[in-house]
């Protein structure tokens, strides 16, 4: 697996404050839920659970 050699070295981003709205249709789900705060998350790709991966989150209300 190509990710094994790069484990912990590749970052990815997600357009929500993970673990909330961990889906492909993030913006629509945020609107459907009526969330008043949203943001983005930067995390390590290929490491364990979402909570282990998260390196930074930011939000704007």
C-alpha atoms as a PDB file:
ATOM      1  CA  UNK A   1       0.000   0.000   0.000  1.00  0.00           C
ATOM      2  CA  UNK A   2       1.458   3.340  -1.060  1.00  0.00           C
ATOM      3  CA  UNK A   3       0.236   5.120   2.091  1.00  0.00           C
ATOM      4  CA  UNK A   4       2.300   2.884   4.392  1.00  0.00           C
ATOM      5  CA  UNK A   5       5.568   4.544   3.365  1.00  0.00           C
ATOM      6  CA  UNK A   6       4.069   8.001   3.816  1.00  0.00           C
ATOM      7  CA  UNK A   7       2.117   7.327   7.022  1.00  0.00           C
ATOM      8  CA  UNK A   8       1.942  10.474   9.147  1.00  0.00           C
ATOM      9  CA  UNK A   9       3.529  12.626   6.427  1.00  0.00           C
ATOM     10  CA  UNK A  10       0.542  13.420   4.204  1.00  0.00           C
ATOM     11  CA  UNK A  11      -2.027  16.009   5.251  1.00  0.00           C
ATOM     12  CA  UNK A  12      -5.574  16.289   3.998  1.00  0.00           C
ATOM     13  CA  UNK A  13      -8.324  18.765   4.699  1.00  0.00           C
ATOM     14  CA  UNK A  14     -12.067  18.414   5.186  1.00  0.00           C
ATOM     15  CA  UNK A  15     -14.578  21.278   4.928  1.00  0.00           C
ATOM     16  CA  UNK A  16     -16.136  20.659   8.366  1.00  0.00           C
ATOM     17  CA  UNK A  17     -15.087  20.471  11.980  1.00  0.00           C
ATOM     18  CA  UNK A  18     -14.486  16.729  12.158  1.00  0.00           C
ATOM     19  CA  UNK A  19     -15.884  14.449  13.364  1.00  0.00           C
ATOM     20  CA  UNK A  20     -19.060  16.466  12.615  1.00  0.00           C
ATOM     21  CA  UNK A  21     -20.414  16.212   9.070  1.00  0.00           C
ATOM     22  CA  UNK A  22     -17.950  13.557   7.926  1.00  0.00           C
ATOM     23  CA  UNK A  23     -19.715  13.033   4.591  1.00  0.00           C
ATOM     24  CA  UNK A  24     -19.425  13.929   0.916  1.00  0.00           C
ATOM     25  CA  UNK A  25     -22.254  16.495   0.974  1.00  0.00           C
ATOM     26  CA  UNK A  26     -20.881  18.628   3.825  1.00  0.00           C
ATOM     27  CA  UNK A  27     -22.345  22.025   2.939  1.00  0.00           C
ATOM     28  CA  UNK A  28     -25.881  20.708   2.426  1.00  0.00           C
ATOM     29  CA  UNK A  29     -25.713  18.718   5.672  1.00  0.00           C
ATOM     30  CA  UNK A  30     -24.532  21.804   7.602  1.00  0.00           C
ATOM     31  CA  UNK A  31     -27.496  23.765   6.210  1.00  0.00           C
ATOM     32  CA  UNK A  32     -29.968  20.921   6.872  1.00  0.00           C
ATOM     33  CA  UNK A  33     -28.772  20.625  10.470  1.00  0.00           C
ATOM     34  CA  UNK A  34     -28.989  24.382  11.008  1.00  0.00           C
ATOM     35  CA  UNK A  35     -25.441  24.635  12.328  1.00  0.00           C
ATOM     36  CA  UNK A  36     -24.493  28.156  13.370  1.00  0.00           C
ATOM     37  CA  UNK A  37     -20.759  27.426  13.372  1.00  0.00           C
ATOM     38  CA  UNK A  38     -18.792  25.575  10.725  1.00  0.00           C
ATOM     39  CA  UNK A  39     -15.168  25.382   9.697  1.00  0.00           C
ATOM     40  CA  UNK A  40     -12.486  23.077   8.359  1.00  0.00           C
ATOM     41  CA  UNK A  41     -10.133  20.422   9.682  1.00  0.00           C
ATOM     42  CA  UNK A  42      -6.578  19.519   8.660  1.00  0.00           C
ATOM     43  CA  UNK A  43      -5.550  15.970   9.497  1.00  0.00           C
ATOM     44  CA  UNK A  44      -2.908  13.324   8.848  1.00  0.00           C
ATOM     45  CA  UNK A  45      -3.971  10.916   6.132  1.00  0.00           C
ATOM     46  CA  UNK A  46      -3.641   7.208   6.850  1.00  0.00           C
ATOM     47  CA  UNK A  47      -3.420   7.227  10.653  1.00  0.00           C
ATOM     48  CA  UNK A  48      -6.041   5.452  12.824  1.00  0.00           C
ATOM     49  CA  UNK A  49      -9.305   7.100  13.848  1.00  0.00           C
ATOM     50  CA  UNK A  50     -10.355  10.641  12.993  1.00  0.00           C
ATOM     51  CA  UNK A  51      -9.609  11.811  16.530  1.00  0.00           C
ATOM     52  CA  UNK A  52      -6.003  10.576  16.208  1.00  0.00           C
ATOM     53  CA  UNK A  53      -5.518  12.283  12.841  1.00  0.00           C
ATOM     54  CA  UNK A  54      -6.719  15.816  13.598  1.00  0.00           C
ATOM     55  CA  UNK A  55      -3.927  18.370  13.706  1.00  0.00           C
ATOM     56  CA  UNK A  56      -5.821  21.644  13.379  1.00  0.00           C
ATOM     57  CA  UNK A  57      -9.403  22.889  13.238  1.00  0.00           C
ATOM     58  CA  UNK A  58     -10.666  26.398  12.709  1.00  0.00           C
ATOM     59  CA  UNK A  59     -14.114  27.904  12.540  1.00  0.00           C
ATOM     60  CA  UNK A  60     -15.949  31.051  11.605  1.00  0.00           C
ATOM     61  CA  UNK A  61     -19.421  31.749  12.939  1.00  0.00           C
END
